[in-house]
Amino acid sequence: MGARIEETAEGLTVYPSDLRGQELDMGRCPDLVPTVAAAACFASGETVIKNVAHLRLKESDRIEAVAENCTQAGAVV
């Protein structure tokens, strides 16, 4: 998404950056969908999160919950 990231022996530092929307296949890392969706709220352009239909079948409809929270943050979902 274009964030400036610095890797050191101590860990990672992510700096405030102009983020750009992306098309992302999150099928192999579905637990990151809420975090990626939150970042997408602040990105320019459209972000498409694909391959996550199975998130509707968890203990709750995680897609609906993420969409609702992103809408409350002012994003168009």
Protein backbone atom coordinates (compact mmCIF):
# COMPACT_ATOMS: atom_id res chain seq x y z
CA MET A 1 0.00 0.00 0.00
CA GLY A 2 3.06 2.22 -0.08
CA ALA A 3 3.95 2.66 3.59
CA ARG A 4 7.54 3.51 4.42
CA ILE A 5 8.87 0.65 6.52
CA GLU A 6 12.28 0.42 8.14
CA GLU A 7 13.70 -2.91 9.35
CA THR A 8 16.36 -2.96 12.06
CA ALA A 9 17.76 -5.59 14.39
CA GLU A 10 15.27 -4.37 17.01
CA GLY A 11 12.22 -4.79 14.77
CA LEU A 12 10.12 -2.84 12.27
CA THR A 13 9.15 0.81 12.21
CA VAL A 14 6.26 1.94 10.01
CA TYR A 15 6.18 5.66 9.27
CA PRO A 16 3.18 7.83 8.38
CA SER A 17 2.90 7.55 4.61
CA ASP A 18 0.54 8.23 1.74
CA LEU A 19 -1.16 4.86 1.26
CA ARG A 20 -2.53 3.64 -2.06
CA GLY A 21 -5.39 1.22 -2.52
CA GLN A 22 -4.52 -2.28 -3.72
CA GLU A 23 -6.19 -5.51 -4.80
CA LEU A 24 -5.26 -8.05 -2.14
CA ASP A 25 -5.82 -11.79 -1.87
CA MET A 26 -6.12 -12.40 1.87
CA GLY A 27 -7.06 -16.09 1.63
CA ARG A 28 -3.84 -17.24 3.29
CA CYS A 29 -3.91 -14.65 6.07
CA PRO A 30 -7.56 -13.99 6.97
CA ASP A 31 -6.73 -12.86 10.51
CA LEU A 32 -5.11 -9.75 9.01
CA VAL A 33 -8.28 -8.63 7.19
CA PRO A 34 -9.44 -6.22 9.93
CA THR A 35 -6.00 -4.58 10.08
CA VAL A 36 -5.71 -4.30 6.30
CA ALA A 37 -9.25 -2.93 6.06
CA ALA A 38 -8.45 -0.29 8.70
CA ALA A 39 -5.36 0.78 6.74
CA ALA A 40 -7.43 0.85 3.53
CA CYS A 41 -9.76 3.41 5.13
CA PHE A 42 -6.87 5.88 4.92
CA ALA A 43 -5.58 4.91 1.47
CA SER A 44 -6.25 6.84 -1.69
CA GLY A 45 -8.08 4.89 -4.36
CA GLU A 46 -9.92 1.62 -4.05
CA THR A 47 -8.80 -1.40 -2.06
CA VAL A 48 -10.29 -4.79 -2.92
CA ILE A 49 -9.90 -7.59 -0.36
CA LYS A 50 -10.47 -10.96 -2.05
CA ASN A 51 -10.75 -14.63 -1.14
CA VAL A 52 -12.25 -14.12 2.32
CA ALA A 53 -15.85 -15.38 1.98
CA HIS A 54 -15.12 -17.96 4.70
CA LEU A 55 -14.91 -15.09 7.23
CA ARG A 56 -18.72 -14.95 7.17
CA LEU A 57 -18.77 -18.44 8.73
CA LYS A 58 -16.69 -17.77 11.86
CA GLU A 59 -18.23 -17.16 15.30
CA SER A 60 -19.66 -13.99 13.77
CA ASP A 61 -19.83 -12.49 10.28
CA ARG A 62 -16.42 -10.86 10.35
CA ILE A 63 -16.86 -9.30 6.92
CA GLU A 64 -20.00 -7.51 8.05
CA ALA A 65 -18.29 -6.34 11.26
CA VAL A 66 -15.27 -5.00 9.38
CA ALA A 67 -17.48 -3.27 6.81
CA GLU A 68 -19.60 -1.68 9.54
CA ASN A 69 -16.57 -0.34 11.40
CA CYS A 70 -14.96 1.00 8.22
CA THR A 71 -18.23 2.76 7.35
CA GLN A 72 -18.28 4.34 10.81
CA ALA A 73 -14.74 5.61 10.14
CA GLY A 74 -16.05 7.36 7.02
CA ALA A 75 -14.99 4.87 4.35
CA VAL A 76 -17.25 3.89 1.46
CA VAL A 77 -17.64 0.11 1.66
